[in-house]
Structure formats: structure tokens, C-alpha cells
PDB file of N, CA and C in Angstrom:
ATOM      1  N   MET A   1       0.851  -1.178   0.000  1.00  0.00           N
ATOM      2  CA  MET A   1       0.000   0.000   0.000  1.00  0.00           C
ATOM      3  C   MET A   1       0.890   1.233   0.000  1.00  0.00           C
ATOM      4  N   ASN A   2       0.485   2.231  -0.788  1.00  0.00           N
ATOM      5  CA  ASN A   2       1.245   3.476  -0.796  1.00  0.00           C
ATOM      6  C   ASN A   2       0.595   4.501   0.142  1.00  0.00           C
ATOM      7  N   ALA A   3       1.249   5.626   0.319  1.00  0.00           N
ATOM      8  CA  ALA A   3       0.784   6.622   1.280  1.00  0.00           C
ATOM      9  C   ALA A   3      -0.555   7.245   0.862  1.00  0.00           C
ATOM     10  N   GLU A   4      -0.760   7.468  -0.433  1.00  0.00           N
ATOM     11  CA  GLU A   4      -2.042   8.015  -0.880  1.00  0.00           C
ATOM     12  C   GLU A   4      -3.184   7.065  -0.533  1.00  0.00           C
ATOM     13  N   ASP A   5      -2.972   5.770  -0.765  1.00  0.00           N
ATOM     14  CA  ASP A   5      -3.993   4.778  -0.410  1.00  0.00           C
ATOM     15  C   ASP A   5      -4.255   4.761   1.094  1.00  0.00           C
ATOM     16  N   ALA A   6      -3.197   4.902   1.892  1.00  0.00           N
ATOM     17  CA  ALA A   6      -3.352   4.909   3.356  1.00  0.00           C
ATOM     18  C   ALA A   6      -4.185   6.114   3.800  1.00  0.00           C
ATOM     19  N   ILE A   7      -3.929   7.271   3.226  1.00  0.00           N
ATOM     20  CA  ILE A   7      -4.687   8.474   3.571  1.00  0.00           C
ATOM     21  C   ILE A   7      -6.158   8.272   3.236  1.00  0.00           C
ATOM     22  N   LEU A   8      -6.423   7.800   2.030  1.00  0.00           N
ATOM     23  CA  LEU A   8      -7.807   7.597   1.599  1.00  0.00           C
ATOM     24  C   LEU A   8      -8.504   6.513   2.416  1.00  0.00           C
ATOM     25  N   ALA A   9      -7.761   5.494   2.833  1.00  0.00           N
ATOM     26  CA  ALA A   9      -8.346   4.431   3.663  1.00  0.00           C
ATOM     27  C   ALA A   9      -8.736   4.963   5.043  1.00  0.00           C
ATOM     28  N   VAL A  10      -7.893   5.789   5.622  1.00  0.00           N
ATOM     29  CA  VAL A  10      -8.206   6.396   6.929  1.00  0.00           C
ATOM     30  C   VAL A  10      -9.449   7.269   6.799  1.00  0.00           C
ATOM     31  N   LEU A  11      -9.516   8.062   5.752  1.00  0.00           N
ATOM     32  CA  LEU A  11     -10.666   8.944   5.560  1.00  0.00           C
ATOM     33  C   LEU A  11     -11.949   8.163   5.271  1.00  0.00           C
ATOM     34  N   ALA A  12     -11.826   7.046   4.603  1.00  0.00           N
ATOM     35  CA  ALA A  12     -13.007   6.227   4.278  1.00  0.00           C
ATOM     36  C   ALA A  12     -13.681   5.697   5.539  1.00  0.00           C
ATOM     37  N   ARG A  13     -12.929   5.575   6.605  1.00  0.00           N
ATOM     38  CA  ARG A  13     -13.471   5.087   7.873  1.00  0.00           C
ATOM     39  C   ARG A  13     -14.164   6.181   8.681  1.00  0.00           C
ATOM     40  N   ARG A  14     -14.090   7.416   8.206  1.00  0.00           N
ATOM     41  CA  ARG A  14     -14.647   8.552   8.931  1.00  0.00           C
ATOM     42  C   ARG A  14     -16.020   8.915   8.403  1.00  0.00           C
ATOM     43  N   ALA A  15     -16.801   9.541   9.261  1.00  0.00           N
ATOM     44  CA  ALA A  15     -18.097  10.074   8.846  1.00  0.00           C
ATOM     45  C   ALA A  15     -17.865  11.212   7.856  1.00  0.00           C
ATOM     46  N   ALA A  16     -18.855  11.474   7.045  1.00  0.00           N
ATOM     47  CA  ALA A  16     -18.763  12.596   6.106  1.00  0.00           C
ATOM     48  C   ALA A  16     -18.483  13.877   6.884  1.00  0.00           C
ATOM     49  N   GLY A  17     -17.537  14.648   6.397  1.00  0.00           N
ATOM     50  CA  GLY A  17     -17.185  15.899   7.049  1.00  0.00           C
ATOM     51  C   GLY A  17     -16.158  15.777   8.161  1.00  0.00           C
ATOM     52  N   ALA A  18     -15.850  14.554   8.586  1.00  0.00           N
ATOM     53  CA  ALA A  18     -14.856  14.349   9.647  1.00  0.00           C
ATOM     54  C   ALA A  18     -13.445  14.486   9.072  1.00  0.00           C
ATOM     55  N   THR A  19     -12.511  14.841   9.930  1.00  0.00           N
ATOM     56  CA  THR A  19     -11.123  15.004   9.511  1.00  0.00           C
ATOM     57  C   THR A  19     -10.241  13.948  10.165  1.00  0.00           C
ATOM     58  N   ALA A  20      -9.013  13.853   9.656  1.00  0.00           N
ATOM     59  CA  ALA A  20      -8.031  12.922  10.216  1.00  0.00           C
ATOM     60  C   ALA A  20      -6.691  13.635  10.333  1.00  0.00           C
ATOM     61  N   CYS A  21      -5.913  13.205  11.265  1.00  0.00           N
ATOM     62  CA  CYS A  21      -4.553  13.702  11.439  1.00  0.00           C
ATOM     63  C   CYS A  21      -3.632  12.940  10.476  1.00  0.00           C
ATOM     64  N   PRO A  22      -2.654  13.597   9.872  1.00  0.00           N
ATOM     65  CA  PRO A  22      -1.745  12.879   8.987  1.00  0.00           C
ATOM     66  C   PRO A  22      -1.009  11.731   9.691  1.00  0.00           C
ATOM     67  N   SER A  23      -0.810  11.844  10.997  1.00  0.00           N
ATOM     68  CA  SER A  23      -0.124  10.759  11.716  1.00  0.00           C
ATOM     69  C   SER A  23      -0.952   9.478  11.712  1.00  0.00           C
ATOM     70  N   GLU A  24      -2.284   9.600  11.598  1.00  0.00           N
ATOM     71  CA  GLU A  24      -3.115   8.408  11.520  1.00  0.00           C
ATOM     72  C   GLU A  24      -2.823   7.627  10.232  1.00  0.00           C
ATOM     73  N   ALA A  25      -2.620   8.333   9.149  1.00  0.00           N
ATOM     74  CA  ALA A  25      -2.270   7.682   7.886  1.00  0.00           C
ATOM     75  C   ALA A  25      -0.884   7.057   7.987  1.00  0.00           C
ATOM     76  N   ALA A  26       0.049   7.732   8.653  1.00  0.00           N
ATOM     77  CA  ALA A  26       1.396   7.182   8.829  1.00  0.00           C
ATOM     78  C   ALA A  26       1.352   5.903   9.667  1.00  0.00           C
ATOM     79  N   ARG A  27       0.532   5.892  10.703  1.00  0.00           N
ATOM     80  CA  ARG A  27       0.377   4.684  11.529  1.00  0.00           C
ATOM     81  C   ARG A  27      -0.231   3.543  10.720  1.00  0.00           C
ATOM     82  N   TYR A  28      -1.226   3.866   9.914  1.00  0.00           N
ATOM     83  CA  TYR A  28      -1.872   2.867   9.070  1.00  0.00           C
ATOM     84  C   TYR A  28      -0.852   2.293   8.087  1.00  0.00           C
ATOM     85  N   LEU A  29      -0.060   3.149   7.486  1.00  0.00           N
ATOM     86  CA  LEU A  29       0.952   2.734   6.513  1.00  0.00           C
ATOM     87  C   LEU A  29       2.043   1.889   7.167  1.00  0.00           C
ATOM     88  N   ALA A  30       2.464   2.262   8.370  1.00  0.00           N
ATOM     89  CA  ALA A  30       3.556   1.561   9.059  1.00  0.00           C
ATOM     90  C   ALA A  30       3.127   0.203   9.602  1.00  0.00           C
ATOM     91  N   GLY A  31       1.850   0.049   9.884  1.00  0.00           N
ATOM     92  CA  GLY A  31       1.388  -1.213  10.456  1.00  0.00           C
ATOM     93  C   GLY A  31       1.556  -1.223  11.964  1.00  0.00           C
ATOM     94  N   PRO A  32       1.039  -2.261  12.619  1.00  0.00           N
ATOM     95  CA  PRO A  32       0.997  -2.310  14.084  1.00  0.00           C
ATOM     96  C   PRO A  32       2.357  -2.181  14.775  1.00  0.00           C
ATOM     97  N   GLN A  33       3.379  -2.734  14.218  1.00  0.00           N
ATOM     98  CA  GLN A  33       4.696  -2.690  14.870  1.00  0.00           C
ATOM     99  C   GLN A  33       5.683  -1.776  14.158  1.00  0.00           C
ATOM    100  N   GLY A  34       5.198  -1.042  13.137  1.00  0.00           N
ATOM    101  CA  GLY A  34       6.088  -0.214  12.335  1.00  0.00           C
ATOM    102  C   GLY A  34       6.411   1.122  12.970  1.00  0.00           C
ATOM    103  N   ASP A  35       7.393   1.772  12.412  1.00  0.00           N
ATOM    104  CA  ASP A  35       7.825   3.097  12.864  1.00  0.00           C
ATOM    105  C   ASP A  35       7.053   4.145  12.080  1.00  0.00           C
ATOM    106  N   TRP A  36       5.922   4.589  12.622  1.00  0.00           N
ATOM    107  CA  TRP A  36       5.065   5.522  11.886  1.00  0.00           C
ATOM    108  C   TRP A  36       5.741   6.864  11.676  1.00  0.00           C
ATOM    109  N   ARG A  37       6.594   7.272  12.589  1.00  0.00           N
ATOM    110  CA  ARG A  37       7.271   8.564  12.426  1.00  0.00           C
ATOM    111  C   ARG A  37       8.145   8.581  11.176  1.00  0.00           C
ATOM    112  N   ALA A  38       8.703   7.438  10.837  1.00  0.00           N
ATOM    113  CA  ALA A  38       9.533   7.327   9.635  1.00  0.00           C
ATOM    114  C   ALA A  38       8.694   7.469   8.359  1.00  0.00           C
ATOM    115  N   GLN A  39       7.391   7.324   8.473  1.00  0.00           N
ATOM    116  CA  GLN A  39       6.491   7.426   7.319  1.00  0.00           C
ATOM    117  C   GLN A  39       5.967   8.847   7.099  1.00  0.00           C
ATOM    118  N   MET A  40       6.212   9.752   8.019  1.00  0.00           N
ATOM    119  CA  MET A  40       5.591  11.076   7.946  1.00  0.00           C
ATOM    120  C   MET A  40       5.986  11.876   6.702  1.00  0.00           C
ATOM    121  N   ASP A  41       7.244  11.850   6.294  1.00  0.00           N
ATOM    122  CA  ASP A  41       7.633  12.587   5.085  1.00  0.00           C
ATOM    123  C   ASP A  41       6.889  12.044   3.869  1.00  0.00           C
ATOM    124  N   THR A  42       6.742  10.727   3.803  1.00  0.00           N
ATOM    125  CA  THR A  42       6.012  10.099   2.702  1.00  0.00           C
ATOM    126  C   THR A  42       4.548  10.520   2.732  1.00  0.00           C
ATOM    127  N   VAL A  43       3.958  10.555   3.914  1.00  0.00           N
ATOM    128  CA  VAL A  43       2.562  10.964   4.045  1.00  0.00           C
ATOM    129  C   VAL A  43       2.403  12.436   3.657  1.00  0.00           C
ATOM    130  N   HIS A  44       3.287  13.296   4.102  1.00  0.00           N
ATOM    131  CA  HIS A  44       3.199  14.719   3.740  1.00  0.00           C
ATOM    132  C   HIS A  44       3.265  14.895   2.212  1.00  0.00           C
ATOM    133  N   SER A  45       4.147  14.168   1.557  1.00  0.00           N
ATOM    134  CA  SER A  45       4.245  14.244   0.095  1.00  0.00           C
ATOM    135  C   SER A  45       2.965  13.756  -0.571  1.00  0.00           C
ATOM    136  N   ALA A  46       2.396  12.684  -0.039  1.00  0.00           N
ATOM    137  CA  ALA A  46       1.149  12.161  -0.582  1.00  0.00           C
ATOM    138  C   ALA A  46      -0.001  13.129  -0.356  1.00  0.00           C
ATOM    139  N   VAL A  47      -0.020  13.794   0.786  1.00  0.00           N
ATOM    140  CA  VAL A  47      -1.035  14.817   1.058  1.00  0.00           C
ATOM    141  C   VAL A  47      -0.933  15.917   0.004  1.00  0.00           C
ATOM    142  N   ASP A  48       0.275  16.382  -0.269  1.00  0.00           N
ATOM    143  CA  ASP A  48       0.461  17.429  -1.274  1.00  0.00           C
ATOM    144  C   ASP A  48      -0.089  16.984  -2.630  1.00  0.00           C
ATOM    145  N   ALA A  49       0.185  15.740  -3.009  1.00  0.00           N
ATOM    146  CA  ALA A  49      -0.292  15.220  -4.295  1.00  0.00           C
ATOM    147  C   ALA A  49      -1.814  15.117  -4.326  1.00  0.00           C
ATOM    148  N   LEU A  50      -2.416  14.665  -3.233  1.00  0.00           N
ATOM    149  CA  LEU A  50      -3.874  14.526  -3.183  1.00  0.00           C
ATOM    150  C   LEU A  50      -4.573  15.890  -3.162  1.00  0.00           C
ATOM    151  N   VAL A  51      -3.965  16.872  -2.518  1.00  0.00           N
ATOM    152  CA  VAL A  51      -4.519  18.228  -2.544  1.00  0.00           C
ATOM    153  C   VAL A  51      -4.465  18.764  -3.971  1.00  0.00           C
ATOM    154  N   GLN A  52      -3.332  18.580  -4.614  1.00  0.00           N
ATOM    155  CA  GLN A  52      -3.149  19.040  -5.998  1.00  0.00           C
ATOM    156  C   GLN A  52      -4.162  18.386  -6.932  1.00  0.00           C
ATOM    157  N   ALA A  53      -4.466  17.113  -6.692  1.00  0.00           N
ATOM    158  CA  ALA A  53      -5.431  16.377  -7.519  1.00  0.00           C
ATOM    159  C   ALA A  53      -6.877  16.719  -7.172  1.00  0.00           C
ATOM    160  N   GLY A  54      -7.069  17.449  -6.071  1.00  0.00           N
ATOM    161  CA  GLY A  54      -8.416  17.815  -5.663  1.00  0.00           C
ATOM    162  C   GLY A  54      -9.164  16.716  -4.934  1.00  0.00           C
ATOM    163  N   ALA A  55      -8.457  15.714  -4.445  1.00  0.00           N
ATOM    164  CA  ALA A  55      -9.091  14.575  -3.771  1.00  0.00           C
ATOM    165  C   ALA A  55      -9.368  14.831  -2.297  1.00  0.00           C
ATOM    166  N   ILE A  56      -8.592  15.718  -1.672  1.00  0.00           N
ATOM    167  CA  ILE A  56      -8.745  16.009  -0.244  1.00  0.00           C
ATOM    168  C   ILE A  56      -8.658  17.509  -0.011  1.00  0.00           C
ATOM    169  N   THR A  57      -9.082  17.909   1.177  1.00  0.00           N
ATOM    170  CA  THR A  57      -8.922  19.302   1.606  1.00  0.00           C
ATOM    171  C   THR A  57      -8.167  19.310   2.923  1.00  0.00           C
ATOM    172  N   LEU A  58      -7.603  20.456   3.241  1.00  0.00           N
ATOM    173  CA  LEU A  58      -6.854  20.621   4.481  1.00  0.00           C
ATOM    174  C   LEU A  58      -7.486  21.724   5.308  1.00  0.00           C
ATOM    175  N   SER A  59      -7.356  21.597   6.616  1.00  0.00           N
ATOM    176  CA  SER A  59      -7.831  22.643   7.514  1.00  0.00           C
ATOM    177  C   SER A  59      -7.054  22.560   8.821  1.00  0.00           C
ATOM    178  N   TRP A  60      -7.185  23.614   9.605  1.00  0.00           N
ATOM    179  CA  TRP A  60      -6.660  23.609  10.962  1.00  0.00           C
ATOM    180  C   TRP A  60      -7.638  24.395  11.824  1.00  0.00           C
ATOM    181  N   LYS A  61      -8.146  23.718  12.848  1.00  0.00           N
ATOM    182  CA  LYS A  61      -9.138  24.300  13.757  1.00  0.00           C
ATOM    183  C   LYS A  61     -10.321  24.884  12.994  1.00  0.00           C
ATOM    184  N   GLY A  62     -10.733  24.150  11.946  1.00  0.00           N
ATOM    185  CA  GLY A  62     -11.900  24.533  11.175  1.00  0.00           C
ATOM    186  C   GLY A  62     -11.659  25.562  10.089  1.00  0.00           C
ATOM    187  N   VAL A  63     -10.446  26.083   9.999  1.00  0.00           N
ATOM    188  CA  VAL A  63     -10.115  27.086   8.988  1.00  0.00           C
ATOM    189  C   VAL A  63      -9.485  26.382   7.789  1.00  0.00           C
ATOM    190  N   PRO A  64     -10.088  26.522   6.588  1.00  0.00           N
ATOM    191  CA  PRO A  64      -9.524  25.873   5.399  1.00  0.00           C
ATOM    192  C   PRO A  64      -8.109  26.355   5.099  1.00  0.00           C
ATOM    193  N   MET A  65      -7.306  25.444   4.573  1.00  0.00           N
ATOM    194  CA  MET A  65      -5.932  25.753   4.177  1.00  0.00           C
ATOM    195  C   MET A  65      -5.783  25.406   2.702  1.00  0.00           C
ATOM    196  N   GLN A  66      -5.064  26.220   1.968  1.00  0.00           N
ATOM    197  CA  GLN A  66      -4.828  25.951   0.550  1.00  0.00           C
ATOM    198  C   GLN A  66      -3.686  24.961   0.345  1.00  0.00           C
ATOM    199  N   LYS A  67      -2.711  24.980   1.247  1.00  0.00           N
ATOM    200  CA  LYS A  67      -1.588  24.038   1.163  1.00  0.00           C
ATOM    201  C   LYS A  67      -1.130  23.686   2.564  1.00  0.00           C
ATOM    202  N   ARG A  68      -0.377  22.647   2.648  1.00  0.00           N
ATOM    203  CA  ARG A  68       0.098  22.132   3.928  1.00  0.00           C
ATOM    204  C   ARG A  68       1.157  23.069   4.500  1.00  0.00           C
ATOM    205  N   ARG A  69       0.932  23.467   5.760  1.00  0.00           N
ATOM    206  CA  ARG A  69       1.897  24.308   6.465  1.00  0.00           C
ATOM    207  C   ARG A  69       1.604  24.188   7.957  1.00  0.00           C
ATOM    208  N   GLY A  70       2.578  23.779   8.736  1.00  0.00           N
ATOM    209  CA  GLY A  70       2.372  23.597  10.166  1.00  0.00           C
ATOM    210  C   GLY A  70       1.391  22.456  10.423  1.00  0.00           C
ATOM    211  N   PRO A  71       0.697  22.490  11.560  1.00  0.00           N
ATOM    212  CA  PRO A  71      -0.254  21.434  11.864  1.00  0.00           C
ATOM    213  C   PRO A  71      -1.468  21.550  10.936  1.00  0.00           C
ATOM    214  N   TYR A  72      -2.034  20.413  10.597  1.00  0.00           N
ATOM    215  CA  TYR A  72      -3.198  20.406   9.719  1.00  0.00           C
ATOM    216  C   TYR A  72      -3.995  19.134   9.882  1.00  0.00           C
ATOM    217  N   ARG A  73      -5.241  19.177   9.408  1.00  0.00           N
ATOM    218  CA  ARG A  73      -6.146  18.031   9.379  1.00  0.00           C
ATOM    219  C   ARG A  73      -6.520  17.787   7.929  1.00  0.00           C
ATOM    220  N   ILE A  74      -6.859  16.531   7.625  1.00  0.00           N
ATOM    221  CA  ILE A  74      -7.192  16.104   6.260  1.00  0.00           C
ATOM    222  C   ILE A  74      -8.666  15.725   6.221  1.00  0.00           C
ATOM    223  N   ALA A  75      -9.353  16.075   5.126  1.00  0.00           N
ATOM    224  CA  ALA A  75     -10.750  15.674   4.940  1.00  0.00           C
ATOM    225  C   ALA A  75     -10.977  15.284   3.486  1.00  0.00           C
ATOM    226  N   ARG A  76     -11.998  14.454   3.274  1.00  0.00           N
ATOM    227  CA  ARG A  76     -12.400  14.151   1.900  1.00  0.00           C
ATOM    228  C   ARG A  76     -12.982  15.406   1.285  1.00  0.00           C
ATOM    229  N   ARG A  77     -12.839  15.518   0.000  1.00  0.00           N
ATOM    230  CA  ARG A  77     -13.457  16.641  -0.719  1.00  0.00           C
ATOM    231  C   ARG A  77     -14.913  16.352  -0.902  1.00  0.00           C
TER     232      ARG A  77
END
């Protein structure tokens, strides 16, 4: 599984309108015993690609973000 698939899988488990932390996708990608922190750069790159493709949106504390910067949450478009 690649990072884009992991992000979309985490979001698929959420209610419509719910958000996810990028670390949740990293944990999903790393697996139960994996080093999720080592996956974060890959997840951030995948987030950028999915935003560019229009597949996801970003926000922080309910405020929409155009691109990833600092802490952020991910949602389905």
C-alpha cells in the first residue's frame, strides 16, 4: 500500500465531514509494529499530491488551508 492509499483508507473510515490527522495515515501505513514517524515525510508528500489532484482538503481548527503548512487536518473533498 502506498501513502495516498493509506490516507484515503483512513478517511473512508470517517463520517462525512470528519477530519483525520496525517499521523493516523502514517500509523496505518507503518502497520501495528512499524515506525510511523519514519512514514511522515512520505505521508506529507502524498497529502500534497492529493490536494493538488483535488481529492482532499486541508484545515486547521476549522479554517480551510490551501496548502500544507504547520499542523493540519485532512478531509475528503
